[in-house]
Amino acid sequence: MDIRPIDDEYSVSGQITVEDLDEIKALGFKSIVCHRPDQESPDQTPFAAVAARAKELGLEITHVPVGPMGVTEEAVQGMVDALDEFPRPMLGYCRSGARSTAIYQKTHHIRG
């Protein structure tokens, strides 16, 4: 797991596993947003499995997939909602962290 801070409130990572969640919690993250559509690759941990463990640990989590169409208006609205509703620091993840970075940059400009 390679966590890269974008600013004081938001960091990104590539795909995480259920096993990574204890460390994510220990690092002080309070919420997680998954930007990877389920079944994008056969070795990917399903969102439901990550979400179940995150909730057990008291982490807020939501799924705002960014697929082949790129960062859509619907995805941006989902991310704005997450930023408005969830505590920070927040971790966004996808396959490599690129989509999680791109959607944050777009929403950050909208939110000011």
PDB file of N, CA and C in Angstrom:
ATOM      1  N   MET A   1       0.849  -1.171   0.000  1.00  0.00           N
ATOM      2  CA  MET A   1       0.000   0.000   0.000  1.00  0.00           C
ATOM      3  C   MET A   1       0.896   1.236   0.000  1.00  0.00           C
ATOM      4  N   ASP A   2       0.661   2.078  -0.971  1.00  0.00           N
ATOM      5  CA  ASP A   2       1.470   3.291  -1.138  1.00  0.00           C
ATOM      6  C   ASP A   2       0.550   4.501  -0.995  1.00  0.00           C
ATOM      7  N   ILE A   3       0.498   5.073   0.196  1.00  0.00           N
ATOM      8  CA  ILE A   3      -0.379   6.217   0.453  1.00  0.00           C
ATOM      9  C   ILE A   3       0.377   7.506   0.176  1.00  0.00           C
ATOM     10  N   ARG A   4      -0.224   8.345  -0.685  1.00  0.00           N
ATOM     11  CA  ARG A   4       0.401   9.613  -1.065  1.00  0.00           C
ATOM     12  C   ARG A   4      -0.503  10.771  -0.666  1.00  0.00           C
ATOM     13  N   PRO A   5      -0.027  11.661   0.211  1.00  0.00           N
ATOM     14  CA  PRO A   5      -0.845  12.803   0.599  1.00  0.00           C
ATOM     15  C   PRO A   5      -1.004  13.805  -0.538  1.00  0.00           C
ATOM     16  N   ILE A   6      -2.231  14.309  -0.716  1.00  0.00           N
ATOM     17  CA  ILE A   6      -2.505  15.374  -1.677  1.00  0.00           C
ATOM     18  C   ILE A   6      -2.498  16.717  -0.935  1.00  0.00           C
ATOM     19  N   ASP A   7      -3.112  16.727   0.243  1.00  0.00           N
ATOM     20  CA  ASP A   7      -3.064  17.883   1.140  1.00  0.00           C
ATOM     21  C   ASP A   7      -3.279  17.355   2.560  1.00  0.00           C
ATOM     22  N   ASP A   8      -3.527  18.241   3.517  1.00  0.00           N
ATOM     23  CA  ASP A   8      -3.669  17.821   4.915  1.00  0.00           C
ATOM     24  C   ASP A   8      -4.901  16.962   5.166  1.00  0.00           C
ATOM     25  N   GLU A   9      -5.893  17.049   4.279  1.00  0.00           N
ATOM     26  CA  GLU A   9      -7.158  16.359   4.512  1.00  0.00           C
ATOM     27  C   GLU A   9      -7.403  15.156   3.618  1.00  0.00           C
ATOM     28  N   TYR A  10      -6.596  14.967   2.573  1.00  0.00           N
ATOM     29  CA  TYR A  10      -6.889  13.933   1.574  1.00  0.00           C
ATOM     30  C   TYR A  10      -5.614  13.300   1.060  1.00  0.00           C
ATOM     31  N   SER A  11      -5.618  11.969   1.040  1.00  0.00           N
ATOM     32  CA  SER A  11      -4.508  11.192   0.487  1.00  0.00           C
ATOM     33  C   SER A  11      -5.081  10.168  -0.481  1.00  0.00           C
ATOM     34  N   VAL A  12      -4.213   9.624  -1.331  1.00  0.00           N
ATOM     35  CA  VAL A  12      -4.653   8.614  -2.295  1.00  0.00           C
ATOM     36  C   VAL A  12      -3.766   7.384  -2.208  1.00  0.00           C
ATOM     37  N   SER A  13      -4.322   6.285  -2.705  1.00  0.00           N
ATOM     38  CA  SER A  13      -3.612   5.012  -2.721  1.00  0.00           C
ATOM     39  C   SER A  13      -4.113   4.194  -3.897  1.00  0.00           C
ATOM     40  N   GLY A  14      -3.315   3.227  -4.277  1.00  0.00           N
ATOM     41  CA  GLY A  14      -3.796   2.214  -5.207  1.00  0.00           C
ATOM     42  C   GLY A  14      -4.735   1.277  -4.457  1.00  0.00           C
ATOM     43  N   GLN A  15      -5.148   0.215  -5.105  1.00  0.00           N
ATOM     44  CA  GLN A  15      -6.092  -0.745  -4.521  1.00  0.00           C
ATOM     45  C   GLN A  15      -5.684  -1.150  -3.108  1.00  0.00           C
ATOM     46  N   ILE A  16      -6.636  -1.114  -2.196  1.00  0.00           N
ATOM     47  CA  ILE A  16      -6.396  -1.583  -0.844  1.00  0.00           C
ATOM     48  C   ILE A  16      -7.097  -2.917  -0.647  1.00  0.00           C
ATOM     49  N   THR A  17      -6.698  -3.623   0.397  1.00  0.00           N
ATOM     50  CA  THR A  17      -7.318  -4.900   0.746  1.00  0.00           C
ATOM     51  C   THR A  17      -7.960  -4.779   2.121  1.00  0.00           C
ATOM     52  N   VAL A  18      -8.727  -5.775   2.480  1.00  0.00           N
ATOM     53  CA  VAL A  18      -9.336  -5.822   3.806  1.00  0.00           C
ATOM     54  C   VAL A  18      -8.235  -5.762   4.870  1.00  0.00           C
ATOM     55  N   GLU A  19      -7.131  -6.436   4.612  1.00  0.00           N
ATOM     56  CA  GLU A  19      -6.018  -6.485   5.563  1.00  0.00           C
ATOM     57  C   GLU A  19      -5.358  -5.120   5.767  1.00  0.00           C
ATOM     58  N   ASP A  20      -5.445  -4.235   4.796  1.00  0.00           N
ATOM     59  CA  ASP A  20      -4.843  -2.896   4.907  1.00  0.00           C
ATOM     60  C   ASP A  20      -5.622  -1.974   5.845  1.00  0.00           C
ATOM     61  N   LEU A  21      -6.865  -2.289   6.115  1.00  0.00           N
ATOM     62  CA  LEU A  21      -7.734  -1.351   6.821  1.00  0.00           C
ATOM     63  C   LEU A  21      -7.298  -1.068   8.257  1.00  0.00           C
ATOM     64  N   ASP A  22      -6.749  -2.046   8.950  1.00  0.00           N
ATOM     65  CA  ASP A  22      -6.269  -1.794  10.311  1.00  0.00           C
ATOM     66  C   ASP A  22      -5.159  -0.746  10.304  1.00  0.00           C
ATOM     67  N   GLU A  23      -4.242  -0.856   9.335  1.00  0.00           N
ATOM     68  CA  GLU A  23      -3.163   0.116   9.218  1.00  0.00           C
ATOM     69  C   GLU A  23      -3.718   1.497   8.824  1.00  0.00           C
ATOM     70  N   ILE A  24      -4.679   1.525   7.908  1.00  0.00           N
ATOM     71  CA  ILE A  24      -5.288   2.787   7.486  1.00  0.00           C
ATOM     72  C   ILE A  24      -5.917   3.486   8.700  1.00  0.00           C
ATOM     73  N   LYS A  25      -6.618   2.730   9.513  1.00  0.00           N
ATOM     74  CA  LYS A  25      -7.222   3.291  10.731  1.00  0.00           C
ATOM     75  C   LYS A  25      -6.122   3.788  11.675  1.00  0.00           C
ATOM     76  N   ALA A  26      -5.060   2.980  11.857  1.00  0.00           N
ATOM     77  CA  ALA A  26      -3.962   3.350  12.758  1.00  0.00           C
ATOM     78  C   ALA A  26      -3.241   4.609  12.282  1.00  0.00           C
ATOM     79  N   LEU A  27      -3.234   4.860  10.975  1.00  0.00           N
ATOM     80  CA  LEU A  27      -2.607   6.059  10.424  1.00  0.00           C
ATOM     81  C   LEU A  27      -3.451   7.311  10.657  1.00  0.00           C
ATOM     82  N   GLY A  28      -4.668   7.126  11.166  1.00  0.00           N
ATOM     83  CA  GLY A  28      -5.497   8.271  11.522  1.00  0.00           C
ATOM     84  C   GLY A  28      -6.585   8.630  10.525  1.00  0.00           C
ATOM     85  N   PHE A  29      -6.731   7.845   9.457  1.00  0.00           N
ATOM     86  CA  PHE A  29      -7.791   8.143   8.495  1.00  0.00           C
ATOM     87  C   PHE A  29      -9.153   7.899   9.137  1.00  0.00           C
ATOM     88  N   LYS A  30     -10.112   8.765   8.806  1.00  0.00           N
ATOM     89  CA  LYS A  30     -11.455   8.661   9.360  1.00  0.00           C
ATOM     90  C   LYS A  30     -12.489   8.241   8.321  1.00  0.00           C
ATOM     91  N   SER A  31     -12.141   8.377   7.037  1.00  0.00           N
ATOM     92  CA  SER A  31     -13.076   7.989   5.977  1.00  0.00           C
ATOM     93  C   SER A  31     -12.312   7.551   4.731  1.00  0.00           C
ATOM     94  N   ILE A  32     -13.037   6.799   3.886  1.00  0.00           N
ATOM     95  CA  ILE A  32     -12.461   6.224   2.667  1.00  0.00           C
ATOM     96  C   ILE A  32     -13.465   6.383   1.531  1.00  0.00           C
ATOM     97  N   VAL A  33     -12.947   6.714   0.345  1.00  0.00           N
ATOM     98  CA  VAL A  33     -13.771   6.738  -0.864  1.00  0.00           C
ATOM     99  C   VAL A  33     -13.098   5.841  -1.903  1.00  0.00           C
ATOM    100  N   CYS A  34     -13.849   4.857  -2.396  1.00  0.00           N
ATOM    101  CA  CYS A  34     -13.355   3.972  -3.455  1.00  0.00           C
ATOM    102  C   CYS A  34     -13.790   4.537  -4.798  1.00  0.00           C
ATOM    103  N   HIS A  35     -12.810   4.753  -5.674  1.00  0.00           N
ATOM    104  CA  HIS A  35     -13.116   5.261  -7.018  1.00  0.00           C
ATOM    105  C   HIS A  35     -12.974   4.188  -8.090  1.00  0.00           C
ATOM    106  N   ARG A  36     -12.799   2.957  -7.683  1.00  0.00           N
ATOM    107  CA  ARG A  36     -12.601   1.876  -8.640  1.00  0.00           C
ATOM    108  C   ARG A  36     -13.880   1.075  -8.824  1.00  0.00           C
ATOM    109  N   PRO A  37     -14.361   0.940 -10.057  1.00  0.00           N
ATOM    110  CA  PRO A  37     -15.531   0.093 -10.278  1.00  0.00           C
ATOM    111  C   PRO A  37     -15.224  -1.357  -9.892  1.00  0.00           C
ATOM    112  N   ASP A  38     -16.208  -2.040  -9.322  1.00  0.00           N
ATOM    113  CA  ASP A  38     -16.022  -3.456  -9.003  1.00  0.00           C
ATOM    114  C   ASP A  38     -15.783  -4.253 -10.280  1.00  0.00           C
ATOM    115  N   GLN A  39     -15.037  -5.331 -10.144  1.00  0.00           N
ATOM    116  CA  GLN A  39     -14.741  -6.281 -11.222  1.00  0.00           C
ATOM    117  C   GLN A  39     -13.951  -5.662 -12.367  1.00  0.00           C
ATOM    118  N   GLU A  40     -13.171  -4.646 -12.052  1.00  0.00           N
ATOM    119  CA  GLU A  40     -12.308  -4.049 -13.067  1.00  0.00           C
ATOM    120  C   GLU A  40     -11.171  -5.005 -13.421  1.00  0.00           C
ATOM    121  N   SER A  41     -10.719  -5.770 -12.427  1.00  0.00           N
ATOM    122  CA  SER A  41      -9.717  -6.803 -12.684  1.00  0.00           C
ATOM    123  C   SER A  41      -9.990  -7.981 -11.758  1.00  0.00           C
ATOM    124  N   PRO A  42      -9.578  -9.192 -12.180  1.00  0.00           N
ATOM    125  CA  PRO A  42      -9.931 -10.390 -11.414  1.00  0.00           C
ATOM    126  C   PRO A  42      -9.288 -10.450 -10.016  1.00  0.00           C
ATOM    127  N   ASP A  43      -8.175  -9.769  -9.809  1.00  0.00           N
ATOM    128  CA  ASP A  43      -7.481  -9.852  -8.520  1.00  0.00           C
ATOM    129  C   ASP A  43      -7.893  -8.748  -7.543  1.00  0.00           C
ATOM    130  N   GLN A  44      -8.857  -7.953  -7.909  1.00  0.00           N
ATOM    131  CA  GLN A  44      -9.271  -6.795  -7.124  1.00  0.00           C
ATOM    132  C   GLN A  44     -10.162  -7.220  -5.944  1.00  0.00           C
ATOM    133  N   THR A  45      -9.943  -6.610  -4.795  1.00  0.00           N
ATOM    134  CA  THR A  45     -10.798  -6.852  -3.635  1.00  0.00           C
ATOM    135  C   THR A  45     -12.134  -6.135  -3.854  1.00  0.00           C
ATOM    136  N   PRO A  46     -13.259  -6.848  -3.765  1.00  0.00           N
ATOM    137  CA  PRO A  46     -14.561  -6.208  -3.984  1.00  0.00           C
ATOM    138  C   PRO A  46     -14.828  -5.101  -2.956  1.00  0.00           C
ATOM    139  N   PHE A  47     -15.506  -4.048  -3.403  1.00  0.00           N
ATOM    140  CA  PHE A  47     -15.822  -2.934  -2.515  1.00  0.00           C
ATOM    141  C   PHE A  47     -16.579  -3.409  -1.279  1.00  0.00           C
ATOM    142  N   ALA A  48     -17.538  -4.312  -1.436  1.00  0.00           N
ATOM    143  CA  ALA A  48     -18.359  -4.767  -0.305  1.00  0.00           C
ATOM    144  C   ALA A  48     -17.494  -5.365   0.808  1.00  0.00           C
ATOM    145  N   ALA A  49     -16.446  -6.082   0.448  1.00  0.00           N
ATOM    146  CA  ALA A  49     -15.559  -6.688   1.451  1.00  0.00           C
ATOM    147  C   ALA A  49     -14.775  -5.604   2.191  1.00  0.00           C
ATOM    148  N   VAL A  50     -14.268  -4.620   1.458  1.00  0.00           N
ATOM    149  CA  VAL A  50     -13.539  -3.511   2.075  1.00  0.00           C
ATOM    150  C   VAL A  50     -14.489  -2.710   2.960  1.00  0.00           C
ATOM    151  N   ALA A  51     -15.694  -2.445   2.466  1.00  0.00           N
ATOM    152  CA  ALA A  51     -16.669  -1.639   3.208  1.00  0.00           C
ATOM    153  C   ALA A  51     -17.077  -2.317   4.509  1.00  0.00           C
ATOM    154  N   ALA A  52     -17.279  -3.620   4.476  1.00  0.00           N
ATOM    155  CA  ALA A  52     -17.709  -4.336   5.683  1.00  0.00           C
ATOM    156  C   ALA A  52     -16.667  -4.190   6.795  1.00  0.00           C
ATOM    157  N   ARG A  53     -15.403  -4.391   6.463  1.00  0.00           N
ATOM    158  CA  ARG A  53     -14.347  -4.275   7.476  1.00  0.00           C
ATOM    159  C   ARG A  53     -14.162  -2.815   7.907  1.00  0.00           C
ATOM    160  N   ALA A  54     -14.238  -1.878   6.977  1.00  0.00           N
ATOM    161  CA  ALA A  54     -14.089  -0.469   7.320  1.00  0.00           C
ATOM    162  C   ALA A  54     -15.149  -0.071   8.340  1.00  0.00           C
ATOM    163  N   LYS A  55     -16.374  -0.506   8.118  1.00  0.00           N
ATOM    164  CA  LYS A  55     -17.466  -0.162   9.041  1.00  0.00           C
ATOM    165  C   LYS A  55     -17.233  -0.784  10.410  1.00  0.00           C
ATOM    166  N   GLU A  56     -16.696  -2.026  10.443  1.00  0.00           N
ATOM    167  CA  GLU A  56     -16.361  -2.657  11.725  1.00  0.00           C
ATOM    168  C   GLU A  56     -15.356  -1.821  12.506  1.00  0.00           C
ATOM    169  N   LEU A  57     -14.461  -1.153  11.784  1.00  0.00           N
ATOM    170  CA  LEU A  57     -13.421  -0.338  12.411  1.00  0.00           C
ATOM    171  C   LEU A  57     -13.888   1.088  12.709  1.00  0.00           C
ATOM    172  N   GLY A  58     -15.121   1.402  12.337  1.00  0.00           N
ATOM    173  CA  GLY A  58     -15.654   2.736  12.596  1.00  0.00           C
ATOM    174  C   GLY A  58     -15.253   3.775  11.566  1.00  0.00           C
ATOM    175  N   LEU A  59     -14.821   3.315  10.386  1.00  0.00           N
ATOM    176  CA  LEU A  59     -14.462   4.223   9.301  1.00  0.00           C
ATOM    177  C   LEU A  59     -15.678   4.455   8.410  1.00  0.00           C
ATOM    178  N   GLU A  60     -15.885   5.705   7.999  1.00  0.00           N
ATOM    179  CA  GLU A  60     -16.926   6.017   7.018  1.00  0.00           C
ATOM    180  C   GLU A  60     -16.388   5.596   5.649  1.00  0.00           C
ATOM    181  N   ILE A  61     -17.238   5.043   4.800  1.00  0.00           N
ATOM    182  CA  ILE A  61     -16.779   4.614   3.474  1.00  0.00           C
ATOM    183  C   ILE A  61     -17.913   4.727   2.460  1.00  0.00           C
ATOM    184  N   THR A  62     -17.550   5.090   1.231  1.00  0.00           N
ATOM    185  CA  THR A  62     -18.523   5.144   0.147  1.00  0.00           C
ATOM    186  C   THR A  62     -17.846   4.751  -1.162  1.00  0.00           C
ATOM    187  N   HIS A  63     -18.675   4.424  -2.136  1.00  0.00           N
ATOM    188  CA  HIS A  63     -18.200   3.985  -3.454  1.00  0.00           C
ATOM    189  C   HIS A  63     -18.625   5.020  -4.490  1.00  0.00           C
ATOM    190  N   VAL A  64     -17.650   5.700  -5.087  1.00  0.00           N
ATOM    191  CA  VAL A  64     -17.898   6.679  -6.150  1.00  0.00           C
ATOM    192  C   VAL A  64     -17.046   6.241  -7.347  1.00  0.00           C
ATOM    193  N   PRO A  65     -17.523   5.216  -8.097  1.00  0.00           N
ATOM    194  CA  PRO A  65     -16.694   4.663  -9.160  1.00  0.00           C
ATOM    195  C   PRO A  65     -16.426   5.644 -10.301  1.00  0.00           C
ATOM    196  N   VAL A  66     -15.189   5.604 -10.781  1.00  0.00           N
ATOM    197  CA  VAL A  66     -14.768   6.368 -11.952  1.00  0.00           C
ATOM    198  C   VAL A  66     -14.282   5.331 -12.957  1.00  0.00           C
ATOM    199  N   GLY A  67     -15.096   5.079 -13.967  1.00  0.00           N
ATOM    200  CA  GLY A  67     -14.794   4.023 -14.931  1.00  0.00           C
ATOM    201  C   GLY A  67     -14.251   4.553 -16.243  1.00  0.00           C
ATOM    202  N   PRO A  68     -14.504   3.815 -17.328  1.00  0.00           N
ATOM    203  CA  PRO A  68     -13.973   4.165 -18.647  1.00  0.00           C
ATOM    204  C   PRO A  68     -14.416   5.535 -19.156  1.00  0.00           C
ATOM    205  N   MET A  69     -15.539   6.042 -18.657  1.00  0.00           N
ATOM    206  CA  MET A  69     -16.017   7.354 -19.101  1.00  0.00           C
ATOM    207  C   MET A  69     -15.250   8.493 -18.435  1.00  0.00           C
ATOM    208  N   GLY A  70     -14.376   8.165 -17.511  1.00  0.00           N
ATOM    209  CA  GLY A  70     -13.605   9.190 -16.821  1.00  0.00           C
ATOM    210  C   GLY A  70     -14.396   9.816 -15.684  1.00  0.00           C
ATOM    211  N   VAL A  71     -13.960  10.977 -15.270  1.00  0.00           N
ATOM    212  CA  VAL A  71     -14.596  11.676 -14.151  1.00  0.00           C
ATOM    213  C   VAL A  71     -15.868  12.363 -14.656  1.00  0.00           C
ATOM    214  N   THR A  72     -16.998  11.700 -14.435  1.00  0.00           N
ATOM    215  CA  THR A  72     -18.283  12.217 -14.908  1.00  0.00           C
ATOM    216  C   THR A  72     -18.856  13.226 -13.912  1.00  0.00           C
ATOM    217  N   GLU A  73     -19.870  13.947 -14.347  1.00  0.00           N
ATOM    218  CA  GLU A  73     -20.553  14.907 -13.471  1.00  0.00           C
ATOM    219  C   GLU A  73     -21.158  14.190 -12.258  1.00  0.00           C
ATOM    220  N   GLU A  74     -21.703  12.996 -12.500  1.00  0.00           N
ATOM    221  CA  GLU A  74     -22.291  12.206 -11.417  1.00  0.00           C
ATOM    222  C   GLU A  74     -21.223  11.809 -10.389  1.00  0.00           C
ATOM    223  N   ALA A  75     -20.050  11.409 -10.866  1.00  0.00           N
ATOM    224  CA  ALA A  75     -18.966  11.044  -9.958  1.00  0.00           C
ATOM    225  C   ALA A  75     -18.488  12.254  -9.159  1.00  0.00           C
ATOM    226  N   VAL A  76     -18.371  13.384  -9.828  1.00  0.00           N
ATOM    227  CA  VAL A  76     -17.957  14.610  -9.127  1.00  0.00           C
ATOM    228  C   VAL A  76     -18.963  14.941  -8.033  1.00  0.00           C
ATOM    229  N   GLN A  77     -20.258  14.835  -8.317  1.00  0.00           N
ATOM    230  CA  GLN A  77     -21.272  15.120  -7.294  1.00  0.00           C
ATOM    231  C   GLN A  77     -21.161  14.140  -6.131  1.00  0.00           C
ATOM    232  N   GLY A  78     -20.904  12.870  -6.429  1.00  0.00           N
ATOM    233  CA  GLY A  78     -20.716  11.879  -5.370  1.00  0.00           C
ATOM    234  C   GLY A  78     -19.527  12.209  -4.486  1.00  0.00           C
ATOM    235  N   MET A  79     -18.459  12.695  -5.099  1.00  0.00           N
ATOM    236  CA  MET A  79     -17.269  13.071  -4.333  1.00  0.00           C
ATOM    237  C   MET A  79     -17.519  14.335  -3.522  1.00  0.00           C
ATOM    238  N   VAL A  80     -18.217  15.306  -4.088  1.00  0.00           N
ATOM    239  CA  VAL A  80     -18.571  16.521  -3.345  1.00  0.00           C
ATOM    240  C   VAL A  80     -19.394  16.137  -2.111  1.00  0.00           C
ATOM    241  N   ASP A  81     -20.356  15.234  -2.296  1.00  0.00           N
ATOM    242  CA  ASP A  81     -21.184  14.782  -1.171  1.00  0.00           C
ATOM    243  C   ASP A  81     -20.322  14.123  -0.095  1.00  0.00           C
ATOM    244  N   ALA A  82     -19.393  13.276  -0.505  1.00  0.00           N
ATOM    245  CA  ALA A  82     -18.514  12.603   0.455  1.00  0.00           C
ATOM    246  C   ALA A  82     -17.677  13.624   1.218  1.00  0.00           C
ATOM    247  N   LEU A  83     -17.142  14.600   0.513  1.00  0.00           N
ATOM    248  CA  LEU A  83     -16.327  15.626   1.168  1.00  0.00           C
ATOM    249  C   LEU A  83     -17.164  16.472   2.122  1.00  0.00           C
ATOM    250  N   ASP A  84     -18.417  16.692   1.783  1.00  0.00           N
ATOM    251  CA  ASP A  84     -19.300  17.476   2.647  1.00  0.00           C
ATOM    252  C   ASP A  84     -19.728  16.686   3.890  1.00  0.00           C
ATOM    253  N   GLU A  85     -19.875  15.371   3.747  1.00  0.00           N
ATOM    254  CA  GLU A  85     -20.488  14.563   4.804  1.00  0.00           C
ATOM    255  C   GLU A  85     -19.494  13.796   5.673  1.00  0.00           C
ATOM    256  N   PHE A  86     -18.343  13.426   5.142  1.00  0.00           N
ATOM    257  CA  PHE A  86     -17.447  12.522   5.852  1.00  0.00           C
ATOM    258  C   PHE A  86     -16.347  13.269   6.595  1.00  0.00           C
ATOM    259  N   PRO A  87     -15.919  12.705   7.729  1.00  0.00           N
ATOM    260  CA  PRO A  87     -14.809  13.312   8.466  1.00  0.00           C
ATOM    261  C   PRO A  87     -13.487  13.092   7.740  1.00  0.00           C
ATOM    262  N   ARG A  88     -12.545  13.938   8.037  1.00  0.00           N
ATOM    263  CA  ARG A  88     -11.217  13.811   7.456  1.00  0.00           C
ATOM    264  C   ARG A  88     -10.194  13.676   8.568  1.00  0.00           C
ATOM    265  N   PRO A  89      -9.045  13.140   8.254  1.00  0.00           N
ATOM    266  CA  PRO A  89      -8.518  12.902   6.909  1.00  0.00           C
ATOM    267  C   PRO A  89      -9.211  11.740   6.194  1.00  0.00           C
ATOM    268  N   MET A  90      -9.239  11.871   4.871  1.00  0.00           N
ATOM    269  CA  MET A  90      -9.909  10.923   3.983  1.00  0.00           C
ATOM    270  C   MET A  90      -8.878  10.273   3.067  1.00  0.00           C
ATOM    271  N   LEU A  91      -9.103   8.982   2.787  1.00  0.00           N
ATOM    272  CA  LEU A  91      -8.275   8.259   1.827  1.00  0.00           C
ATOM    273  C   LEU A  91      -9.121   7.897   0.620  1.00  0.00           C
ATOM    274  N   GLY A  92      -8.669   8.266  -0.571  1.00  0.00           N
ATOM    275  CA  GLY A  92      -9.313   7.852  -1.811  1.00  0.00           C
ATOM    276  C   GLY A  92      -8.455   6.775  -2.455  1.00  0.00           C
ATOM    277  N   TYR A  93      -9.095   5.742  -2.999  1.00  0.00           N
ATOM    278  CA  TYR A  93      -8.303   4.713  -3.684  1.00  0.00           C
ATOM    279  C   TYR A  93      -8.954   4.254  -4.971  1.00  0.00           C
ATOM    280  N   CYS A  94      -8.102   3.797  -5.888  1.00  0.00           N
ATOM    281  CA  CYS A  94      -8.515   3.189  -7.155  1.00  0.00           C
ATOM    282  C   CYS A  94      -7.433   2.169  -7.514  1.00  0.00           C
ATOM    283  N   ARG A  95      -7.170   1.926  -8.777  1.00  0.00           N
ATOM    284  CA  ARG A  95      -6.132   0.957  -9.124  1.00  0.00           C
ATOM    285  C   ARG A  95      -4.747   1.498  -8.789  1.00  0.00           C
ATOM    286  N   SER A  96      -4.487   2.744  -9.179  1.00  0.00           N
ATOM    287  CA  SER A  96      -3.148   3.310  -8.979  1.00  0.00           C
ATOM    288  C   SER A  96      -3.138   4.569  -8.118  1.00  0.00           C
ATOM    289  N   GLY A  97      -4.303   5.167  -7.920  1.00  0.00           N
ATOM    290  CA  GLY A  97      -4.394   6.445  -7.217  1.00  0.00           C
ATOM    291  C   GLY A  97      -4.646   7.613  -8.158  1.00  0.00           C
ATOM    292  N   ALA A  98      -4.503   7.397  -9.467  1.00  0.00           N
ATOM    293  CA  ALA A  98      -4.649   8.489 -10.446  1.00  0.00           C
ATOM    294  C   ALA A  98      -6.085   9.025 -10.501  1.00  0.00           C
ATOM    295  N   ARG A  99      -7.072   8.135 -10.561  1.00  0.00           N
ATOM    296  CA  ARG A  99      -8.471   8.592 -10.619  1.00  0.00           C
ATOM    297  C   ARG A  99      -8.870   9.280  -9.315  1.00  0.00           C
ATOM    298  N   SER A 100      -8.364   8.751  -8.202  1.00  0.00           N
ATOM    299  CA  SER A 100      -8.676   9.356  -6.902  1.00  0.00           C
ATOM    300  C   SER A 100      -8.081  10.761  -6.804  1.00  0.00           C
ATOM    301  N   THR A 101      -6.939  10.965  -7.432  1.00  0.00           N
ATOM    302  CA  THR A 101      -6.329  12.296  -7.466  1.00  0.00           C
ATOM    303  C   THR A 101      -7.119  13.209  -8.392  1.00  0.00           C
ATOM    304  N   ALA A 102      -7.458  12.720  -9.584  1.00  0.00           N
ATOM    305  CA  ALA A 102      -8.155  13.541 -10.582  1.00  0.00           C
ATOM    306  C   ALA A 102      -9.519  14.009 -10.074  1.00  0.00           C
ATOM    307  N   ILE A 103     -10.281  13.122  -9.459  1.00  0.00           N
ATOM    308  CA  ILE A 103     -11.617  13.517  -9.003  1.00  0.00           C
ATOM    309  C   ILE A 103     -11.512  14.500  -7.843  1.00  0.00           C
ATOM    310  N   TYR A 104     -10.534  14.342  -6.990  1.00  0.00           N
ATOM    311  CA  TYR A 104     -10.363  15.283  -5.885  1.00  0.00           C
ATOM    312  C   TYR A 104     -10.014  16.674  -6.414  1.00  0.00           C
ATOM    313  N   GLN A 105      -9.128  16.716  -7.390  1.00  0.00           N
ATOM    314  CA  GLN A 105      -8.747  18.012  -7.964  1.00  0.00           C
ATOM    315  C   GLN A 105      -9.961  18.702  -8.583  1.00  0.00           C
ATOM    316  N   LYS A 106     -10.810  17.939  -9.284  1.00  0.00           N
ATOM    317  CA  LYS A 106     -12.014  18.541  -9.887  1.00  0.00           C
ATOM    318  C   LYS A 106     -12.985  19.020  -8.826  1.00  0.00           C
ATOM    319  N   THR A 107     -13.197  18.244  -7.780  1.00  0.00           N
ATOM    320  CA  THR A 107     -14.143  18.657  -6.744  1.00  0.00           C
ATOM    321  C   THR A 107     -13.576  19.772  -5.896  1.00  0.00           C
ATOM    322  N   HIS A 108     -12.290  19.775  -5.708  1.00  0.00           N
ATOM    323  CA  HIS A 108     -11.656  20.814  -4.897  1.00  0.00           C
ATOM    324  C   HIS A 108     -11.847  22.191  -5.548  1.00  0.00           C
ATOM    325  N   HIS A 109     -11.786  22.227  -6.877  1.00  0.00           N
ATOM    326  CA  HIS A 109     -12.000  23.492  -7.594  1.00  0.00           C
ATOM    327  C   HIS A 109     -13.455  23.953  -7.465  1.00  0.00           C
ATOM    328  N   ILE A 110     -14.389  22.991  -7.464  1.00  0.00           N
ATOM    329  CA  ILE A 110     -15.804  23.331  -7.344  1.00  0.00           C
ATOM    330  C   ILE A 110     -16.116  23.851  -5.946  1.00  0.00           C
ATOM    331  N   ARG A 111     -15.542  23.184  -4.942  1.00  0.00           N
ATOM    332  CA  ARG A 111     -15.850  23.530  -3.555  1.00  0.00           C
ATOM    333  C   ARG A 111     -15.070  24.749  -3.084  1.00  0.00           C
ATOM    334  N   GLY A 112     -14.001  25.121  -3.815  1.00  0.00           N
ATOM    335  CA  GLY A 112     -13.211  26.282  -3.450  1.00  0.00           C
ATOM    336  C   GLY A 112     -12.217  25.921  -2.433  1.00  0.00           C
TER     337      GLY A 112
END
